[in-house]
Amino acid sequence: MSIVNRGFGRRRPVDPELAKRIPPGQHLVPDFPVLSVGPTPHTELRDWSFQINGEIDLPRTLSWVDFRALPAQTFTTDIHCVTSWSKLDTRWEGVSIDTLLDGVETEATHVMAFSDGGYETNLALDDITDGKAWLAYNYGGEPLESEHGGPVRLLVPHLYFWKSAKWVRGLRLMDGDAPGFWERNGYHIRGDPWREERYWGD
């Protein structure tokens, strides 16, 4: 059996205005589907930390208190899963990656986001800076539930949602690209939904 899940049946929205916001091959869902690899971690906030390491002038570790002391943003965005569902106007609160990397000196071009449970996903630094990505801890005005990646998940809404790593615990800065978990198992190295970059060869 292939580890790559081709997803759910694909249906286009009828409303032409909504259709402009839905990438090719996607359909709208009313709920927030839960798709995970392995068991759901449940980390106590007192035990939570976030690391920034790799190609960096000085590795950093943030506790939960350190993290929550950073300036936060509340924002609304659309999200798109590689399994073909899209959800519009999702509301989040979190810390911008720009804020997190403020003052970091690095020659890195990419990062590997790593999570509880051993999950990793690769991203170009250009895809998570300049207001494109956040560490999100609230969804819909409530603390992010564990099944959706809480206490903190990476949120990179302009790419397929597997790039928005659940239970994220750090960023490893790299001077080149390398595949993460799903990228090693058939998914596209970048994952742009508007280009349907779902799988190897797309």
N, C-alpha and C. Protein backbone atom coordinates (compact mmCIF):
# COMPACT_ATOMS: atom_id res chain seq x y z
N MET A 1 0.84 -1.19 0.00
CA MET A 1 0.00 0.00 0.00
C MET A 1 0.88 1.24 0.00
N SER A 2 0.56 2.21 -0.82
CA SER A 2 1.35 3.43 -0.89
C SER A 2 1.10 4.30 0.33
N ILE A 3 2.17 4.96 0.81
CA ILE A 3 2.01 5.89 1.93
C ILE A 3 1.37 7.19 1.49
N VAL A 4 1.34 7.44 0.17
CA VAL A 4 0.75 8.67 -0.36
C VAL A 4 -0.76 8.49 -0.47
N ASN A 5 -1.50 9.36 0.21
CA ASN A 5 -2.96 9.33 0.17
C ASN A 5 -3.43 10.35 -0.85
N ARG A 6 -4.07 9.88 -1.93
CA ARG A 6 -4.54 10.79 -2.97
C ARG A 6 -5.75 11.61 -2.54
N GLY A 7 -6.27 11.32 -1.36
CA GLY A 7 -7.24 12.25 -0.79
C GLY A 7 -8.68 11.92 -1.08
N PHE A 8 -9.55 12.93 -0.89
CA PHE A 8 -10.98 12.77 -1.00
C PHE A 8 -11.43 13.13 -2.41
N GLY A 9 -12.69 12.84 -2.70
CA GLY A 9 -13.23 13.24 -3.99
C GLY A 9 -13.16 14.73 -4.18
N ARG A 10 -12.87 15.18 -5.41
CA ARG A 10 -12.63 16.60 -5.66
C ARG A 10 -13.87 17.23 -6.28
N ARG A 11 -14.35 18.30 -5.64
CA ARG A 11 -15.55 18.98 -6.11
C ARG A 11 -15.27 20.47 -6.12
N ARG A 12 -15.62 21.15 -7.17
CA ARG A 12 -15.43 22.58 -7.24
C ARG A 12 -16.61 23.31 -6.61
N PRO A 13 -16.38 24.43 -5.91
CA PRO A 13 -17.50 25.20 -5.37
C PRO A 13 -18.32 25.82 -6.48
N VAL A 14 -19.61 25.98 -6.26
CA VAL A 14 -20.51 26.51 -7.28
C VAL A 14 -20.35 28.02 -7.39
N ASP A 15 -20.24 28.70 -6.26
CA ASP A 15 -20.15 30.16 -6.25
C ASP A 15 -18.88 30.61 -6.97
N PRO A 16 -19.01 31.40 -8.04
CA PRO A 16 -17.82 31.81 -8.80
C PRO A 16 -16.85 32.67 -8.00
N GLU A 17 -17.35 33.44 -7.03
CA GLU A 17 -16.46 34.25 -6.20
C GLU A 17 -15.63 33.36 -5.27
N LEU A 18 -16.26 32.33 -4.72
CA LEU A 18 -15.51 31.38 -3.90
C LEU A 18 -14.51 30.61 -4.74
N ALA A 19 -14.90 30.29 -5.96
CA ALA A 19 -14.03 29.51 -6.84
C ALA A 19 -12.70 30.19 -7.07
N LYS A 20 -12.67 31.52 -7.04
CA LYS A 20 -11.42 32.25 -7.26
C LYS A 20 -10.43 32.03 -6.12
N ARG A 21 -10.95 31.61 -4.96
CA ARG A 21 -10.09 31.41 -3.79
C ARG A 21 -9.69 29.96 -3.57
N ILE A 22 -10.17 29.06 -4.43
CA ILE A 22 -9.92 27.64 -4.27
C ILE A 22 -8.93 27.17 -5.32
N PRO A 23 -7.78 26.67 -4.94
CA PRO A 23 -6.81 26.16 -5.92
C PRO A 23 -7.37 25.00 -6.74
N PRO A 24 -6.78 24.70 -7.86
CA PRO A 24 -7.25 23.59 -8.70
C PRO A 24 -7.29 22.28 -7.92
N GLY A 25 -8.35 21.50 -8.15
CA GLY A 25 -8.47 20.19 -7.54
C GLY A 25 -8.93 20.18 -6.10
N GLN A 26 -9.31 21.34 -5.55
CA GLN A 26 -9.72 21.42 -4.16
C GLN A 26 -11.24 21.54 -4.03
N HIS A 27 -11.77 21.19 -2.86
CA HIS A 27 -13.18 21.41 -2.55
C HIS A 27 -13.29 21.94 -1.13
N LEU A 28 -14.37 22.69 -0.86
CA LEU A 28 -14.57 23.29 0.46
C LEU A 28 -15.12 22.28 1.44
N VAL A 29 -14.70 22.41 2.70
CA VAL A 29 -15.24 21.60 3.79
C VAL A 29 -15.74 22.53 4.89
N PRO A 30 -16.82 22.17 5.59
CA PRO A 30 -17.33 23.03 6.66
C PRO A 30 -16.55 22.88 7.96
N ASP A 31 -15.98 21.70 8.19
CA ASP A 31 -15.27 21.43 9.43
C ASP A 31 -13.77 21.48 9.19
N PHE A 32 -13.01 21.17 10.21
CA PHE A 32 -11.55 21.18 10.15
C PHE A 32 -11.11 19.72 10.26
N PRO A 33 -10.86 19.04 9.13
CA PRO A 33 -10.47 17.62 9.19
C PRO A 33 -9.19 17.41 9.99
N VAL A 34 -9.08 16.23 10.58
CA VAL A 34 -7.91 15.86 11.36
C VAL A 34 -7.18 14.75 10.62
N LEU A 35 -5.98 15.04 10.16
CA LEU A 35 -5.13 14.06 9.50
C LEU A 35 -3.77 14.09 10.17
N SER A 36 -3.31 12.96 10.67
CA SER A 36 -2.03 12.92 11.38
C SER A 36 -1.31 11.61 11.08
N VAL A 37 -0.01 11.62 11.31
CA VAL A 37 0.80 10.42 11.24
C VAL A 37 1.20 10.07 12.67
N GLY A 38 0.76 8.90 13.15
CA GLY A 38 1.13 8.49 14.49
C GLY A 38 0.21 9.07 15.55
N PRO A 39 0.51 8.80 16.82
CA PRO A 39 -0.33 9.26 17.93
C PRO A 39 -0.21 10.76 18.13
N THR A 40 -1.22 11.32 18.79
CA THR A 40 -1.26 12.75 19.08
C THR A 40 -0.49 13.05 20.37
N PRO A 41 0.57 13.87 20.29
CA PRO A 41 1.30 14.23 21.50
C PRO A 41 0.47 15.16 22.39
N HIS A 42 0.71 15.12 23.67
CA HIS A 42 0.07 16.02 24.63
C HIS A 42 1.17 16.56 25.54
N THR A 43 1.71 17.72 25.21
CA THR A 43 2.84 18.29 25.93
C THR A 43 2.36 19.34 26.93
N GLU A 44 2.75 19.18 28.19
CA GLU A 44 2.45 20.20 29.20
C GLU A 44 3.20 21.48 28.86
N LEU A 45 2.56 22.62 29.06
CA LEU A 45 3.18 23.89 28.69
C LEU A 45 4.48 24.12 29.46
N ARG A 46 4.56 23.66 30.69
CA ARG A 46 5.80 23.84 31.45
C ARG A 46 6.95 23.05 30.85
N ASP A 47 6.64 22.03 30.04
CA ASP A 47 7.67 21.20 29.42
C ASP A 47 7.94 21.59 27.97
N TRP A 48 7.16 22.52 27.45
CA TRP A 48 7.28 22.89 26.03
C TRP A 48 8.45 23.84 25.84
N SER A 49 9.18 23.67 24.74
CA SER A 49 10.23 24.60 24.35
C SER A 49 10.34 24.62 22.84
N PHE A 50 10.97 25.67 22.33
CA PHE A 50 11.14 25.81 20.88
C PHE A 50 12.60 26.16 20.59
N GLN A 51 13.20 25.41 19.66
CA GLN A 51 14.60 25.60 19.35
C GLN A 51 14.79 26.23 17.97
N ILE A 52 15.78 27.08 17.84
CA ILE A 52 16.25 27.56 16.54
C ILE A 52 17.72 27.22 16.49
N ASN A 53 18.10 26.33 15.57
CA ASN A 53 19.48 25.86 15.54
C ASN A 53 19.93 25.66 14.10
N GLY A 54 21.05 25.01 13.92
CA GLY A 54 21.59 24.78 12.58
C GLY A 54 22.54 25.89 12.18
N GLU A 55 22.38 26.39 10.94
CA GLU A 55 23.25 27.43 10.38
C GLU A 55 22.84 28.79 10.94
N ILE A 56 23.28 29.06 12.15
CA ILE A 56 22.85 30.26 12.87
C ILE A 56 24.01 30.74 13.74
N ASP A 57 24.07 32.05 13.96
CA ASP A 57 25.16 32.60 14.76
C ASP A 57 25.15 32.07 16.19
N LEU A 58 23.97 31.96 16.78
CA LEU A 58 23.84 31.49 18.16
C LEU A 58 22.53 30.73 18.31
N PRO A 59 22.58 29.42 18.54
CA PRO A 59 21.34 28.65 18.74
C PRO A 59 20.51 29.23 19.87
N ARG A 60 19.19 29.12 19.74
CA ARG A 60 18.30 29.71 20.73
C ARG A 60 17.25 28.68 21.16
N THR A 61 16.86 28.77 22.42
CA THR A 61 15.77 27.94 22.94
C THR A 61 14.81 28.83 23.70
N LEU A 62 13.54 28.74 23.35
CA LEU A 62 12.50 29.53 24.01
C LEU A 62 11.63 28.62 24.86
N SER A 63 11.37 29.01 26.09
CA SER A 63 10.36 28.34 26.90
C SER A 63 8.98 28.85 26.48
N TRP A 64 7.93 28.25 27.04
CA TRP A 64 6.58 28.73 26.76
C TRP A 64 6.41 30.18 27.21
N VAL A 65 6.98 30.53 28.35
CA VAL A 65 6.89 31.90 28.86
C VAL A 65 7.63 32.85 27.91
N ASP A 66 8.81 32.47 27.46
CA ASP A 66 9.56 33.29 26.50
C ASP A 66 8.75 33.50 25.22
N PHE A 67 8.19 32.40 24.72
CA PHE A 67 7.44 32.45 23.46
C PHE A 67 6.23 33.36 23.57
N ARG A 68 5.46 33.22 24.64
CA ARG A 68 4.24 34.02 24.79
C ARG A 68 4.54 35.49 25.08
N ALA A 69 5.76 35.79 25.46
CA ALA A 69 6.14 37.19 25.69
C ALA A 69 6.43 37.92 24.38
N LEU A 70 6.55 37.17 23.27
CA LEU A 70 6.80 37.80 21.97
C LEU A 70 5.53 38.45 21.44
N PRO A 71 5.66 39.51 20.63
CA PRO A 71 4.48 40.15 20.04
C PRO A 71 3.70 39.16 19.16
N ALA A 72 2.39 39.15 19.33
CA ALA A 72 1.53 38.21 18.59
C ALA A 72 0.65 38.95 17.60
N GLN A 73 0.10 38.20 16.65
CA GLN A 73 -0.81 38.73 15.65
C GLN A 73 -2.06 37.86 15.59
N THR A 74 -3.20 38.48 15.31
CA THR A 74 -4.43 37.76 15.02
C THR A 74 -4.73 37.98 13.54
N PHE A 75 -5.04 36.91 12.83
CA PHE A 75 -5.20 37.03 11.38
C PHE A 75 -6.17 35.97 10.86
N THR A 76 -6.68 36.20 9.68
CA THR A 76 -7.61 35.30 9.01
C THR A 76 -7.01 34.88 7.68
N THR A 77 -7.06 33.57 7.38
CA THR A 77 -6.46 33.08 6.15
C THR A 77 -7.17 31.82 5.68
N ASP A 78 -6.98 31.47 4.42
CA ASP A 78 -7.49 30.23 3.85
C ASP A 78 -6.41 29.16 3.97
N ILE A 79 -6.83 27.90 4.12
CA ILE A 79 -5.89 26.79 4.20
C ILE A 79 -6.30 25.71 3.21
N HIS A 80 -5.30 24.98 2.70
CA HIS A 80 -5.53 24.01 1.63
C HIS A 80 -4.72 22.75 1.89
N CYS A 81 -5.39 21.62 2.03
CA CYS A 81 -4.74 20.35 2.29
C CYS A 81 -4.47 19.60 0.98
N VAL A 82 -3.36 18.89 0.92
CA VAL A 82 -3.01 18.13 -0.28
C VAL A 82 -4.04 17.04 -0.57
N THR A 83 -4.80 16.59 0.43
CA THR A 83 -5.82 15.58 0.21
C THR A 83 -7.09 16.15 -0.43
N SER A 84 -7.04 17.43 -0.82
CA SER A 84 -8.03 18.11 -1.68
C SER A 84 -9.04 18.97 -0.94
N TRP A 85 -9.01 19.04 0.40
CA TRP A 85 -9.96 19.93 1.06
C TRP A 85 -9.34 21.31 1.27
N SER A 86 -10.22 22.31 1.24
CA SER A 86 -9.85 23.70 1.56
C SER A 86 -10.85 24.25 2.56
N LYS A 87 -10.37 25.11 3.44
CA LYS A 87 -11.24 25.78 4.41
C LYS A 87 -10.89 27.26 4.37
N LEU A 88 -11.92 28.08 4.18
CA LEU A 88 -11.72 29.51 4.01
C LEU A 88 -11.93 30.27 5.32
N ASP A 89 -11.28 31.42 5.42
CA ASP A 89 -11.50 32.37 6.52
C ASP A 89 -11.26 31.75 7.89
N THR A 90 -10.21 30.98 8.02
CA THR A 90 -9.85 30.43 9.34
C THR A 90 -9.15 31.51 10.16
N ARG A 91 -9.47 31.58 11.45
CA ARG A 91 -8.94 32.65 12.33
C ARG A 91 -7.91 32.07 13.29
N TRP A 92 -6.77 32.73 13.34
CA TRP A 92 -5.64 32.25 14.12
C TRP A 92 -5.04 33.38 14.94
N GLU A 93 -4.27 33.00 15.94
CA GLU A 93 -3.41 33.92 16.65
C GLU A 93 -2.06 33.25 16.83
N GLY A 94 -0.99 34.01 16.60
CA GLY A 94 0.33 33.42 16.75
C GLY A 94 1.43 34.45 16.58
N VAL A 95 2.64 33.95 16.59
CA VAL A 95 3.84 34.78 16.48
C VAL A 95 4.42 34.61 15.08
N SER A 96 4.67 35.72 14.42
CA SER A 96 5.24 35.67 13.08
C SER A 96 6.65 35.06 13.12
N ILE A 97 6.98 34.31 12.09
CA ILE A 97 8.35 33.79 11.97
C ILE A 97 9.33 34.95 11.84
N ASP A 98 8.90 36.06 11.25
CA ASP A 98 9.77 37.25 11.18
C ASP A 98 10.16 37.71 12.58
N THR A 99 9.20 37.72 13.49
CA THR A 99 9.49 38.09 14.88
C THR A 99 10.43 37.09 15.52
N LEU A 100 10.18 35.83 15.28
CA LEU A 100 10.99 34.77 15.87
C LEU A 100 12.45 34.84 15.41
N LEU A 101 12.66 35.21 14.15
CA LEU A 101 14.01 35.25 13.59
C LEU A 101 14.65 36.63 13.64
N ASP A 102 13.97 37.57 14.25
CA ASP A 102 14.51 38.93 14.33
C ASP A 102 15.87 38.91 15.04
N GLY A 103 16.88 39.47 14.39
CA GLY A 103 18.21 39.52 14.97
C GLY A 103 19.06 38.30 14.73
N VAL A 104 18.50 37.25 14.10
CA VAL A 104 19.26 36.05 13.80
C VAL A 104 20.18 36.31 12.61
N GLU A 105 21.44 35.96 12.76
CA GLU A 105 22.39 36.07 11.67
C GLU A 105 22.63 34.69 11.07
N THR A 106 22.36 34.56 9.76
CA THR A 106 22.49 33.26 9.12
C THR A 106 22.67 33.43 7.62
N GLU A 107 23.34 32.45 7.02
CA GLU A 107 23.45 32.37 5.56
C GLU A 107 22.51 31.29 5.02
N ALA A 108 21.61 30.80 5.86
CA ALA A 108 20.72 29.71 5.47
C ALA A 108 19.78 30.13 4.36
N THR A 109 19.40 29.15 3.54
CA THR A 109 18.41 29.35 2.48
C THR A 109 17.12 28.58 2.77
N HIS A 110 17.19 27.57 3.65
CA HIS A 110 16.05 26.71 3.93
C HIS A 110 16.01 26.40 5.43
N VAL A 111 14.87 25.87 5.86
CA VAL A 111 14.75 25.37 7.22
C VAL A 111 14.11 23.99 7.19
N MET A 112 14.40 23.22 8.21
CA MET A 112 13.67 21.98 8.47
C MET A 112 12.89 22.21 9.77
N ALA A 113 11.57 22.22 9.66
CA ALA A 113 10.73 22.30 10.86
C ALA A 113 10.63 20.91 11.46
N PHE A 114 10.83 20.80 12.77
CA PHE A 114 10.75 19.49 13.41
C PHE A 114 9.77 19.54 14.58
N SER A 115 9.15 18.40 14.83
CA SER A 115 8.01 18.33 15.74
C SER A 115 8.13 17.17 16.71
N ASP A 116 7.31 17.21 17.76
CA ASP A 116 7.15 16.03 18.61
C ASP A 116 6.73 14.85 17.74
N GLY A 117 7.25 13.68 18.06
CA GLY A 117 6.91 12.49 17.28
C GLY A 117 7.86 12.24 16.12
N GLY A 118 8.84 13.14 15.91
CA GLY A 118 9.83 12.91 14.87
C GLY A 118 9.47 13.44 13.49
N TYR A 119 8.32 14.09 13.35
CA TYR A 119 7.94 14.62 12.04
C TYR A 119 8.82 15.80 11.65
N GLU A 120 9.16 15.88 10.36
CA GLU A 120 9.93 16.99 9.81
C GLU A 120 9.34 17.40 8.47
N THR A 121 9.44 18.69 8.16
CA THR A 121 9.10 19.15 6.82
C THR A 121 10.02 20.32 6.45
N ASN A 122 10.44 20.33 5.19
CA ASN A 122 11.39 21.33 4.72
C ASN A 122 10.67 22.52 4.10
N LEU A 123 11.29 23.69 4.23
CA LEU A 123 10.72 24.92 3.68
C LEU A 123 11.85 25.86 3.28
N ALA A 124 11.66 26.57 2.17
CA ALA A 124 12.58 27.64 1.82
C ALA A 124 12.40 28.78 2.80
N LEU A 125 13.50 29.42 3.18
CA LEU A 125 13.40 30.55 4.11
C LEU A 125 12.50 31.64 3.53
N ASP A 126 12.53 31.80 2.21
CA ASP A 126 11.67 32.79 1.56
C ASP A 126 10.19 32.48 1.72
N ASP A 127 9.85 31.21 1.97
CA ASP A 127 8.45 30.82 2.13
C ASP A 127 7.92 31.01 3.55
N ILE A 128 8.79 31.36 4.49
CA ILE A 128 8.30 31.54 5.86
C ILE A 128 8.62 32.92 6.43
N THR A 129 9.22 33.78 5.63
CA THR A 129 9.52 35.14 6.07
C THR A 129 8.71 36.16 5.28
N ASP A 130 8.85 37.44 5.63
CA ASP A 130 8.10 38.52 4.98
C ASP A 130 6.59 38.33 5.13
N GLY A 131 6.17 37.95 6.35
CA GLY A 131 4.75 37.86 6.66
C GLY A 131 4.03 36.66 6.10
N LYS A 132 4.76 35.58 5.79
CA LYS A 132 4.14 34.41 5.16
C LYS A 132 3.85 33.26 6.12
N ALA A 133 4.40 33.29 7.35
CA ALA A 133 4.25 32.13 8.23
C ALA A 133 4.27 32.55 9.69
N TRP A 134 3.67 31.69 10.53
CA TRP A 134 3.53 31.97 11.96
C TRP A 134 3.69 30.68 12.78
N LEU A 135 3.97 30.85 14.06
CA LEU A 135 3.76 29.80 15.03
C LEU A 135 2.43 30.09 15.70
N ALA A 136 1.42 29.29 15.40
CA ALA A 136 0.05 29.57 15.84
C ALA A 136 -0.29 28.76 17.08
N TYR A 137 -0.93 29.43 18.06
CA TYR A 137 -1.33 28.75 19.30
C TYR A 137 -2.82 28.90 19.60
N ASN A 138 -3.53 29.76 18.88
CA ASN A 138 -4.97 29.89 19.02
C ASN A 138 -5.64 29.68 17.67
N TYR A 139 -6.80 29.03 17.69
CA TYR A 139 -7.60 28.85 16.47
C TYR A 139 -9.05 29.16 16.81
N GLY A 140 -9.68 30.05 16.05
CA GLY A 140 -11.07 30.40 16.30
C GLY A 140 -11.29 31.03 17.66
N GLY A 141 -10.27 31.71 18.17
CA GLY A 141 -10.38 32.37 19.46
C GLY A 141 -10.15 31.49 20.66
N GLU A 142 -9.76 30.23 20.44
CA GLU A 142 -9.53 29.29 21.53
C GLU A 142 -8.13 28.69 21.41
N PRO A 143 -7.55 28.22 22.53
CA PRO A 143 -6.26 27.54 22.44
C PRO A 143 -6.32 26.39 21.43
N LEU A 144 -5.29 26.26 20.64
CA LEU A 144 -5.24 25.24 19.60
C LEU A 144 -5.28 23.84 20.22
N GLU A 145 -6.24 23.03 19.80
CA GLU A 145 -6.40 21.69 20.35
C GLU A 145 -5.27 20.78 19.90
N SER A 146 -4.95 19.80 20.72
CA SER A 146 -3.86 18.87 20.42
C SER A 146 -4.05 18.20 19.06
N GLU A 147 -5.27 17.82 18.73
CA GLU A 147 -5.50 17.10 17.48
C GLU A 147 -5.20 17.97 16.26
N HIS A 148 -5.21 19.28 16.44
CA HIS A 148 -4.89 20.20 15.35
C HIS A 148 -3.47 20.76 15.46
N GLY A 149 -2.68 20.19 16.37
CA GLY A 149 -1.28 20.58 16.45
C GLY A 149 -0.89 21.35 17.67
N GLY A 150 -1.84 21.57 18.61
CA GLY A 150 -1.53 22.33 19.80
C GLY A 150 -0.56 21.62 20.72
N PRO A 151 0.18 22.39 21.51
CA PRO A 151 -0.07 23.79 21.82
C PRO A 151 0.35 24.79 20.74
N VAL A 152 1.26 24.38 19.84
CA VAL A 152 1.73 25.28 18.79
C VAL A 152 1.95 24.50 17.50
N ARG A 153 1.46 25.04 16.40
CA ARG A 153 1.78 24.47 15.10
C ARG A 153 2.37 25.56 14.21
N LEU A 154 3.17 25.15 13.27
CA LEU A 154 3.62 26.04 12.22
C LEU A 154 2.45 26.30 11.28
N LEU A 155 2.31 27.52 10.79
CA LEU A 155 1.24 27.83 9.85
C LEU A 155 1.85 28.56 8.65
N VAL A 156 1.79 27.87 7.50
CA VAL A 156 2.31 28.41 6.23
C VAL A 156 1.18 28.30 5.21
N PRO A 157 0.19 29.19 5.28
CA PRO A 157 -1.06 28.97 4.54
C PRO A 157 -0.97 29.03 3.03
N HIS A 158 0.08 29.61 2.47
CA HIS A 158 0.16 29.67 1.01
C HIS A 158 0.70 28.38 0.40
N LEU A 159 1.11 27.42 1.24
CA LEU A 159 1.53 26.10 0.78
C LEU A 159 0.54 25.05 1.30
N TYR A 160 0.57 23.85 0.68
CA TYR A 160 -0.28 22.77 1.17
C TYR A 160 -0.04 22.57 2.66
N PHE A 161 -1.09 22.11 3.33
CA PHE A 161 -1.12 22.17 4.78
C PHE A 161 -0.16 21.20 5.47
N TRP A 162 0.39 20.20 4.75
CA TRP A 162 1.37 19.34 5.41
C TRP A 162 2.63 20.11 5.77
N LYS A 163 2.84 21.26 5.09
CA LYS A 163 3.99 22.10 5.42
C LYS A 163 3.77 22.86 6.74
N SER A 164 2.53 22.96 7.19
CA SER A 164 2.21 23.63 8.46
C SER A 164 2.30 22.61 9.59
N ALA A 165 3.52 22.26 9.96
CA ALA A 165 3.78 21.13 10.86
C ALA A 165 3.06 21.27 12.20
N LYS A 166 2.34 20.22 12.57
CA LYS A 166 1.73 20.15 13.91
C LYS A 166 2.80 19.94 14.97
N TRP A 167 2.48 20.34 16.21
CA TRP A 167 3.29 20.07 17.40
C TRP A 167 4.74 20.50 17.19
N VAL A 168 4.91 21.61 16.48
CA VAL A 168 6.26 22.02 16.08
C VAL A 168 7.09 22.39 17.30
N ARG A 169 8.36 22.00 17.28
CA ARG A 169 9.26 22.26 18.41
C ARG A 169 10.55 22.96 18.00
N GLY A 170 10.71 23.23 16.68
CA GLY A 170 11.90 23.96 16.31
C GLY A 170 12.08 24.11 14.82
N LEU A 171 13.04 24.97 14.48
CA LEU A 171 13.47 25.19 13.10
C LEU A 171 14.98 24.98 13.05
N ARG A 172 15.39 24.10 12.14
CA ARG A 172 16.82 23.90 11.89
C ARG A 172 17.18 24.62 10.60
N LEU A 173 17.98 25.66 10.69
CA LEU A 173 18.36 26.44 9.52
C LEU A 173 19.43 25.70 8.72
N MET A 174 19.27 25.67 7.39
CA MET A 174 20.14 24.87 6.53
C MET A 174 20.64 25.72 5.36
N ASP A 175 21.85 25.39 4.88
CA ASP A 175 22.41 26.13 3.75
C ASP A 175 22.05 25.50 2.41
N GLY A 176 21.08 24.59 2.40
CA GLY A 176 20.55 23.97 1.19
C GLY A 176 19.26 23.25 1.53
N ASP A 177 18.59 22.71 0.54
CA ASP A 177 17.31 22.05 0.75
C ASP A 177 17.52 20.56 1.03
N ALA A 178 16.57 19.96 1.74
CA ALA A 178 16.57 18.52 2.00
C ALA A 178 15.14 18.11 2.28
N PRO A 179 14.72 16.93 1.85
CA PRO A 179 13.32 16.52 2.05
C PRO A 179 13.02 16.15 3.49
N GLY A 180 11.79 16.45 3.91
CA GLY A 180 11.29 16.01 5.19
C GLY A 180 10.54 14.69 5.07
N PHE A 181 9.66 14.41 6.05
CA PHE A 181 8.99 13.11 6.10
C PHE A 181 8.15 12.83 4.85
N TRP A 182 7.15 13.68 4.60
CA TRP A 182 6.28 13.42 3.45
C TRP A 182 7.00 13.62 2.13
N GLU A 183 7.96 14.52 2.10
CA GLU A 183 8.72 14.74 0.87
C GLU A 183 9.55 13.51 0.50
N ARG A 184 10.00 12.76 1.49
CA ARG A 184 10.71 11.50 1.23
C ARG A 184 9.76 10.40 0.82
N ASN A 185 8.48 10.59 1.06
CA ASN A 185 7.49 9.53 0.81
C ASN A 185 6.49 9.90 -0.28
N GLY A 186 6.92 10.71 -1.23
CA GLY A 186 6.10 10.92 -2.42
C GLY A 186 5.53 12.28 -2.63
N TYR A 187 5.57 13.15 -1.60
CA TYR A 187 5.00 14.49 -1.77
C TYR A 187 6.03 15.44 -2.38
N HIS A 188 5.53 16.51 -2.98
CA HIS A 188 6.36 17.49 -3.67
C HIS A 188 7.33 18.17 -2.70
N ILE A 189 8.47 18.59 -3.18
CA ILE A 189 9.47 19.21 -2.33
C ILE A 189 9.01 20.57 -1.80
N ARG A 190 8.11 21.27 -2.56
CA ARG A 190 7.67 22.60 -2.10
C ARG A 190 6.20 22.60 -1.72
N GLY A 191 5.29 22.25 -2.61
CA GLY A 191 3.88 22.14 -2.23
C GLY A 191 3.04 23.38 -2.43
N ASP A 192 3.13 24.00 -3.61
CA ASP A 192 2.30 25.17 -3.94
C ASP A 192 0.95 24.69 -4.45
N PRO A 193 -0.15 24.97 -3.72
CA PRO A 193 -1.46 24.46 -4.15
C PRO A 193 -1.94 25.05 -5.47
N TRP A 194 -1.54 26.27 -5.80
CA TRP A 194 -2.00 26.90 -7.03
C TRP A 194 -1.33 26.29 -8.26
N ARG A 195 -0.20 25.62 -8.04
CA ARG A 195 0.47 24.90 -9.12
C ARG A 195 0.22 23.40 -9.03
N GLU A 196 -0.62 22.97 -8.08
CA GLU A 196 -0.91 21.56 -7.81
C GLU A 196 0.38 20.76 -7.62
N GLU A 197 1.27 21.30 -6.82
CA GLU A 197 2.53 20.60 -6.51
C GLU A 197 2.27 19.62 -5.38
N ARG A 198 1.57 18.54 -5.70
CA ARG A 198 1.17 17.56 -4.70
C ARG A 198 2.23 16.47 -4.51
N TYR A 199 2.69 15.90 -5.61
CA TYR A 199 3.49 14.71 -5.55
C TYR A 199 4.74 14.82 -6.43
N TRP A 200 5.65 13.88 -6.25
CA TRP A 200 6.85 13.83 -7.09
C TRP A 200 6.44 13.94 -8.55
N GLY A 201 7.10 14.78 -9.29
CA GLY A 201 6.85 14.91 -10.71
C GLY A 201 5.78 15.94 -11.08
N ASP A 202 5.02 16.45 -10.10
CA ASP A 202 3.99 17.46 -10.40
C ASP A 202 4.66 18.79 -10.76
